[in-house]
Protein backbone atom coordinates (compact mmCIF):
# COMPACT_ATOMS: atom_id res chain seq x y z
CA MET A 1 4.47 -30.72 22.28
CA PRO A 2 2.06 -30.93 25.28
CA LEU A 3 -1.35 -32.58 24.83
CA VAL A 4 -4.85 -31.71 26.04
CA GLN A 5 -8.01 -33.79 25.77
CA GLY A 6 -11.40 -32.63 24.54
CA GLU A 7 -12.64 -29.19 23.58
CA GLY A 8 -12.27 -27.51 26.96
CA SER A 9 -14.18 -24.52 28.32
CA PRO A 10 -13.48 -20.85 27.57
CA LEU A 11 -11.61 -18.76 30.12
CA ASN A 12 -12.89 -15.44 28.79
CA ASN A 13 -16.23 -15.63 30.64
CA PRO A 14 -15.52 -14.41 34.21
CA LYS A 15 -18.99 -15.27 35.55
CA ALA A 16 -18.82 -18.84 34.22
CA VAL A 17 -15.33 -19.59 35.53
CA LYS A 18 -16.15 -18.14 38.98
CA ARG A 19 -19.35 -20.18 39.06
CA ARG A 20 -17.23 -23.24 38.30
CA ALA A 21 -15.00 -22.43 41.26
CA LYS A 22 -18.03 -22.02 43.53
CA THR A 23 -19.49 -25.31 42.30
CA LYS A 24 -16.20 -27.08 42.91
CA ALA A 25 -15.95 -25.70 46.45
CA ILE A 26 -19.46 -26.91 47.31
CA SER A 27 -18.87 -30.29 45.67
CA LYS A 28 -15.60 -30.78 47.53
CA ALA A 29 -17.17 -29.97 50.91
CA LEU A 30 -20.20 -32.14 50.19
CA ASN A 31 -18.21 -35.17 49.07
CA ARG A 32 -15.81 -34.84 52.00
CA ALA A 33 -18.83 -35.25 54.29
CA LEU A 34 -20.25 -38.09 52.16
CA ILE A 35 -16.92 -39.94 52.35
CA GLU A 36 -17.07 -39.84 56.16
CA VAL A 37 -20.65 -41.12 56.16
CA ALA A 38 -19.79 -43.94 53.73
CA LYS A 39 -16.74 -44.95 55.80
CA GLU A 40 -18.84 -45.04 58.96
CA THR A 41 -21.54 -47.20 57.33
CA GLY A 42 -19.09 -49.48 55.53
CA ALA A 43 -20.39 -48.56 52.07
CA ARG A 44 -17.14 -49.14 50.17
CA SER A 45 -18.46 -48.71 46.63
CA MET A 46 -20.20 -45.46 47.55
CA GLU A 47 -17.07 -44.23 49.33
CA LYS A 48 -15.10 -44.83 46.14
CA ALA A 49 -17.65 -42.87 44.10
CA TYR A 50 -17.55 -39.97 46.56
CA ARG A 51 -13.75 -39.93 46.47
CA ASN A 52 -13.82 -39.78 42.69
CA ALA A 53 -16.21 -36.84 42.92
CA TRP A 54 -13.97 -35.14 45.52
CA TYR A 55 -10.99 -35.42 43.17
CA CYS A 56 -12.97 -34.32 40.09
CA GLN A 57 -11.65 -31.01 38.71
CA ASN A 58 -8.86 -30.95 41.32
CA VAL A 59 -6.33 -30.41 38.54
CA ILE A 60 -7.09 -28.13 35.60
CA LYS A 61 -4.96 -27.56 32.54
CA THR A 62 -5.18 -24.30 30.61
CA ALA A 63 -4.05 -23.69 27.04
CA ASP A 64 -5.07 -21.23 24.32
CA ASN A 65 -7.37 -19.40 26.76
CA ARG A 66 -9.36 -22.57 27.52
CA MET A 67 -9.49 -24.87 30.55
CA TYR A 68 -9.41 -28.67 30.47
CA ALA A 69 -10.21 -31.29 33.10
CA PRO A 70 -11.66 -34.84 32.93
CA LEU A 71 -15.13 -35.51 34.37
CA CYS A 72 -15.86 -38.11 37.06
CA LYS A 73 -19.56 -38.37 36.05
CA ASN A 74 -20.65 -39.30 39.59
CA ARG A 75 -24.10 -38.25 40.80
CA SER A 76 -22.69 -36.59 43.90
CA CYS A 77 -20.44 -34.32 41.80
CA THR A 78 -22.26 -31.01 41.41
CA TYR A 79 -20.15 -29.96 38.43
CA CYS A 80 -20.68 -33.20 36.48
CA CYS A 81 -24.41 -33.07 37.24
CA GLY A 82 -24.49 -29.62 35.72
CA VAL A 83 -22.72 -30.87 32.59
CA ARG A 84 -25.13 -33.80 32.32
CA LYS A 85 -28.09 -31.44 32.71
CA ALA A 86 -26.82 -29.22 29.90
CA GLU A 87 -26.37 -32.24 27.62
CA LEU A 88 -29.96 -33.40 28.21
CA ILE A 89 -31.34 -29.92 27.61
CA ASN A 90 -29.43 -29.59 24.34
CA LYS A 91 -30.71 -33.00 23.30
CA TYR A 92 -34.41 -32.64 24.17
CA PHE A 93 -35.19 -28.93 24.07
CA PRO A 94 -35.30 -28.70 20.24
CA VAL A 95 -38.07 -31.35 20.24
CA ILE A 96 -40.10 -30.19 23.25
CA ARG A 97 -40.18 -26.53 22.21
CA GLN A 98 -42.11 -27.57 19.07
CA TRP A 99 -44.98 -29.00 21.09
CA GLU A 100 -48.03 -26.72 21.04
CA GLN A 101 -49.01 -27.37 24.65
CA VAL A 102 -46.59 -28.50 27.34
CA TYR A 103 -47.61 -29.27 30.92
CA PHE A 104 -45.44 -29.65 34.00
CA LEU A 105 -46.60 -32.52 36.22
CA THR A 106 -45.42 -33.77 39.60
CA LEU A 107 -46.32 -37.31 40.70
CA THR A 108 -45.70 -37.92 44.39
CA THR A 109 -45.63 -41.01 46.59
CA PRO A 110 -46.22 -41.53 50.30
CA SER A 111 -43.27 -40.46 52.46
CA VAL A 112 -41.02 -43.36 53.40
CA ALA A 113 -38.12 -44.24 55.70
CA ALA A 114 -34.59 -44.52 54.33
CA ALA A 115 -34.78 -48.31 54.17
CA ASP A 116 -37.81 -48.13 51.86
CA ILE A 117 -36.52 -45.67 49.24
CA LYS A 118 -35.21 -48.34 46.84
CA ALA A 119 -38.42 -50.39 46.93
CA THR A 120 -40.44 -47.22 46.31
CA TYR A 121 -38.31 -46.42 43.24
CA LYS A 122 -38.99 -49.91 41.87
CA LYS A 123 -42.73 -49.55 42.44
CA MET A 124 -42.79 -46.09 40.82
CA HIS A 125 -41.07 -47.34 37.66
CA GLN A 126 -43.33 -50.39 37.49
CA LEU A 127 -46.54 -48.39 37.92
CA PHE A 128 -45.51 -45.79 35.37
CA ARG A 129 -44.69 -48.47 32.79
CA LEU A 130 -48.14 -50.03 33.32
CA ILE A 131 -49.87 -46.64 33.04
CA ASN A 132 -47.94 -45.75 29.90
CA ALA A 133 -48.79 -49.10 28.28
CA LYS A 134 -52.47 -48.68 29.19
CA LEU A 135 -52.69 -45.18 27.74
CA ARG A 136 -50.73 -46.19 24.65
CA LYS A 137 -53.33 -48.89 23.91
CA ARG A 138 -56.12 -46.34 24.31
CA ALA A 139 -54.38 -44.09 21.81
CA GLN A 140 -54.02 -47.00 19.36
CA ARG A 141 -57.78 -47.67 19.65
CA GLY A 142 -58.47 -44.00 19.05
CA THR A 143 -60.17 -43.44 22.42
CA ALA A 144 -57.51 -41.08 23.79
CA GLU A 145 -54.72 -38.81 22.64
CA LYS A 146 -51.19 -40.07 22.31
CA VAL A 147 -49.23 -39.69 25.53
CA MET A 148 -45.66 -38.46 25.31
CA GLY A 149 -43.20 -36.57 27.44
CA VAL A 150 -40.08 -36.80 29.59
CA ARG A 151 -39.73 -37.64 33.25
CA THR A 152 -37.11 -37.63 35.98
CA LEU A 153 -36.89 -39.45 39.27
CA GLU A 154 -36.14 -37.29 42.28
CA CYS A 155 -36.12 -37.65 46.05
CA ASN A 156 -36.27 -35.01 48.78
CA PHE A 157 -35.50 -35.31 52.49
CA ASN A 158 -37.75 -33.89 55.19
CA PRO A 159 -35.44 -33.07 58.13
CA ALA A 160 -38.34 -32.35 60.49
CA ALA A 161 -40.07 -35.72 59.98
CA ARG A 162 -36.86 -37.53 58.94
CA THR A 163 -38.64 -39.08 55.98
CA TYR A 164 -38.02 -39.20 52.23
CA ASN A 165 -40.29 -38.23 49.36
CA PRO A 166 -39.52 -40.01 46.07
CA HIS A 167 -41.40 -38.43 43.16
CA PHE A 168 -41.46 -37.91 39.41
CA HIS A 169 -41.28 -34.61 37.56
CA LEU A 170 -42.67 -34.69 34.03
CA LEU A 171 -43.11 -32.53 30.98
CA VAL A 172 -46.12 -33.86 29.05
CA TYR A 173 -47.55 -32.93 25.66
CA GLY A 174 -51.20 -31.83 25.94
CA GLU A 175 -53.65 -31.19 28.75
CA GLU A 176 -55.72 -34.35 28.21
CA ALA A 177 -52.67 -36.62 28.40
CA THR A 178 -51.44 -34.85 31.53
CA LYS A 179 -54.78 -35.30 33.30
CA LEU A 180 -54.94 -38.95 32.27
CA ILE A 181 -51.50 -39.70 33.69
CA ARG A 182 -52.35 -37.85 36.91
CA THR A 183 -55.65 -39.73 37.35
CA GLU A 184 -54.17 -43.14 36.57
CA TRP A 185 -51.27 -42.50 38.96
CA MET A 186 -53.58 -41.79 41.92
CA GLU A 187 -55.72 -44.82 41.05
CA ALA A 188 -52.68 -47.09 40.83
CA TRP A 189 -51.65 -46.33 44.41
CA LYS A 190 -55.01 -47.20 45.99
CA PRO A 191 -55.82 -48.09 48.73
CA THR A 192 -52.93 -45.78 49.68
CA TYR A 193 -54.20 -42.23 49.55
CA LEU A 194 -52.31 -39.65 47.49
CA SER A 195 -53.31 -36.03 47.93
CA PRO A 196 -54.65 -34.59 44.65
CA ASP A 197 -53.16 -31.23 45.62
CA ALA A 198 -49.68 -32.77 45.65
CA GLN A 199 -50.04 -34.08 42.08
CA VAL A 200 -49.43 -30.62 40.68
CA PHE A 201 -49.83 -29.88 36.99
CA LYS A 202 -49.69 -26.58 35.15
CA LYS A 203 -49.37 -25.34 31.61
CA ILE A 204 -45.97 -23.86 30.91
CA ARG A 205 -44.67 -21.34 28.43
CA LYS A 206 -40.95 -21.06 29.11
CA THR A 207 -40.18 -24.64 28.13
CA GLU A 208 -36.42 -24.42 28.57
CA ARG A 209 -36.73 -23.12 32.13
CA ASP A 210 -39.14 -25.92 33.03
CA LEU A 211 -36.99 -28.52 31.33
CA VAL A 212 -34.21 -27.40 33.65
CA GLU A 213 -36.65 -27.82 36.56
CA VAL A 214 -37.40 -31.38 35.45
CA ILE A 215 -33.77 -32.38 34.96
CA LYS A 216 -32.60 -32.03 38.56
CA TYR A 217 -30.64 -35.24 38.39
CA GLY A 218 -32.02 -37.09 41.30
CA ALA A 219 -31.62 -35.30 44.60
CA LYS A 220 -32.17 -31.86 46.01
CA ILE A 221 -28.82 -31.05 47.57
CA PHE A 222 -29.90 -27.95 49.48
CA THR A 223 -32.72 -28.18 52.00
CA GLU A 224 -34.40 -25.20 53.64
CA PRO A 225 -35.13 -25.76 57.36
CA GLY A 226 -38.74 -25.37 58.40
CA LYS A 227 -41.92 -27.35 58.86
CA ASN A 228 -44.02 -25.67 56.17
CA LYS A 229 -43.63 -23.72 52.91
CA ALA A 230 -43.97 -20.32 54.59
CA GLU A 231 -41.23 -21.04 57.14
CA LYS A 232 -38.98 -22.59 54.48
CA LYS A 233 -39.38 -19.51 52.31
CA ARG A 234 -38.59 -17.23 55.23
CA ARG A 235 -35.47 -19.25 56.09
CA ARG A 236 -34.27 -19.77 52.52
CA GLY A 237 -30.92 -18.20 53.30
CA GLU A 238 -30.31 -20.86 55.96
CA SER A 239 -30.14 -23.82 53.56
CA VAL A 240 -28.46 -26.96 54.87
CA ILE A 241 -26.91 -29.98 53.14
CA TYR A 242 -27.93 -33.17 54.95
CA ALA A 243 -25.06 -35.44 53.91
CA ARG A 244 -26.28 -38.59 55.65
CA ALA A 245 -29.70 -38.25 54.01
CA LEU A 246 -28.10 -37.62 50.62
CA HIS A 247 -26.00 -40.75 51.09
CA ASN A 248 -29.20 -42.75 51.63
CA ILE A 249 -30.72 -41.23 48.48
CA TYR A 250 -27.64 -41.78 46.32
CA THR A 251 -27.28 -45.35 47.57
CA ALA A 252 -30.89 -46.14 46.67
CA MET A 253 -30.49 -44.47 43.26
CA LYS A 254 -27.55 -46.67 42.32
CA GLY A 255 -28.52 -48.55 39.16
CA GLU A 256 -31.76 -46.60 38.71
CA ARG A 257 -32.61 -44.72 35.52
CA LEU A 258 -33.18 -41.11 36.55
CA PHE A 259 -34.21 -39.57 33.22
CA ASP A 260 -36.35 -41.11 30.50
CA ARG A 261 -38.65 -40.22 27.63
CA PHE A 262 -41.95 -41.89 26.75
CA GLY A 263 -44.20 -41.90 23.70
CA PHE A 264 -41.73 -40.37 21.24
CA ASN A 265 -38.30 -40.81 19.73
CA LEU A 266 -35.72 -38.19 19.00
CA PRO A 267 -35.49 -37.40 15.28
CA PHE A 268 -31.91 -38.55 15.33
CA ASP A 269 -29.32 -39.46 17.91
CA THR A 270 -26.44 -37.05 17.90
CA PRO A 271 -23.24 -39.10 18.02
CA LYS A 272 -21.17 -38.51 21.11
CA ARG A 273 -18.18 -36.34 20.51
CA GLN A 274 -14.93 -38.19 20.76
CA SER A 275 -12.69 -36.72 23.41
CA LYS A 276 -9.59 -36.57 21.23
CA LEU A 277 -6.09 -35.63 22.27
CA ARG A 278 -4.59 -32.66 20.50
CA GLU A 279 -1.34 -30.77 20.63
CA VAL A 280 -1.01 -27.24 22.00
CA ASP A 281 1.92 -24.87 22.26
CA LYS A 282 1.93 -24.48 26.04
CA VAL A 283 0.02 -25.93 29.00
CA GLU A 284 -0.37 -24.42 32.46
CA ILE A 285 -1.35 -26.73 35.34
CA TRP A 286 -3.49 -25.49 38.24
CA ARG A 287 -4.38 -27.37 41.43
CA HIS A 288 -7.44 -26.73 43.56
CA ASN A 289 -6.81 -25.24 46.99
CA SER A 290 -9.51 -25.72 49.63
CA TYR A 291 -8.45 -22.63 51.57
CA TYR A 292 -8.68 -20.26 48.60
CA LYS A 293 -11.55 -22.23 47.00
CA ASP A 294 -9.86 -21.69 43.67
CA TRP A 295 -7.14 -23.26 41.55
CA LEU A 296 -3.57 -22.12 42.22
CA HIS A 297 -0.57 -22.15 39.92
CA PRO A 298 2.29 -24.07 41.59
CA GLU A 299 4.94 -21.57 40.49
CA HIS A 300 3.57 -18.05 40.80
CA GLU A 301 0.64 -19.00 43.14
CA SER A 302 -1.92 -16.83 41.37
CA THR A 303 -5.55 -17.97 41.30
CA LEU A 304 -7.18 -19.17 38.11
CA THR A 305 -10.70 -17.69 38.37
CA GLY A 306 -10.46 -14.90 40.94
CA TYR A 307 -13.44 -16.35 42.83
CA ILE A 308 -13.81 -14.89 46.32
CA PRO A 309 -16.70 -16.39 48.31
CA THR A 310 -19.12 -14.01 49.97
CA PHE A 311 -19.43 -14.31 53.73
CA GLU A 312 -22.66 -16.31 53.30
CA GLU A 313 -21.09 -18.64 50.72
CA ASP A 314 -18.02 -19.22 52.84
CA LEU A 315 -20.16 -19.89 55.92
CA PHE A 316 -22.31 -22.32 53.97
CA ILE A 317 -19.41 -24.24 52.43
CA GLU A 318 -17.60 -24.51 55.76
CA SER A 319 -20.36 -25.13 58.28
CA ARG A 320 -23.79 -25.83 56.82
CA ILE A 321 -23.31 -29.50 56.06
CA ASP A 322 -25.14 -31.71 58.55
CA THR A 323 -23.85 -35.29 58.91
CA THR A 324 -26.10 -36.36 61.77
CA ARG A 325 -29.68 -36.25 60.50
CA ALA A 326 -31.18 -38.89 58.20
């Protein structure tokens, strides 16, 4: 009897399976561009990672109204990033939703050139560890509240200035702790000036939505053209993927921890599910087709999801990937 691995995903949710096809189409176009950039720059290990992401989900097996495909788990794979995001939300949301007050905090750094991204990451991690240790000692002495939360490392690209903005997004328990972290962060960067307005913090109510905002997994793939927020908002439909800039970000992120918690432990660690092989009665095999942007059956050539890109989606996937600017 044929075998499949893992639990698979249901086929009876049309919106979900079409969204998977759209995600795959974007990921394939993105990683095709990243492969070319990596080849040009001689980054062999990154080229290999991008190729693995390009091949991810290329072949899907279906059985018992479910779809099965192995994950590449590369950071440039938009589908695997989505899976990783869902896993983190399922793991941390039950804890964070019990906190009485939750604040969203952004900690920025000065904009840097591509060559300085990695060093900035190192400095950010070092400074945050020092700040966390300092505030933890205050809490032990009883002079401040306990500081706890989660944080992610992210980096955006500014196509107008051709600079990069590494920053942290955090969810923090309590207003006092949030303000302390914010103050200590700005002090730690002196004499470099950090704008207080950029170190945004706000109380949140919809914790799950903001946890999704925090867990962006490292890089903003889509960038709106424009020099300011008003112009970017007006031109939101003209988003561009800057592949060369993303390559710089992904290269600098290699080996870096992108998501972490501080000040608390999970009540228990859920054991990872074993991806076991199991027998099924019948398996259908589908291969992704770049022209249709869907998976085709090799025999009757029907599509798996029925995804048909809109004109805007098709235009974006085919032509809005910039490989020149970084």
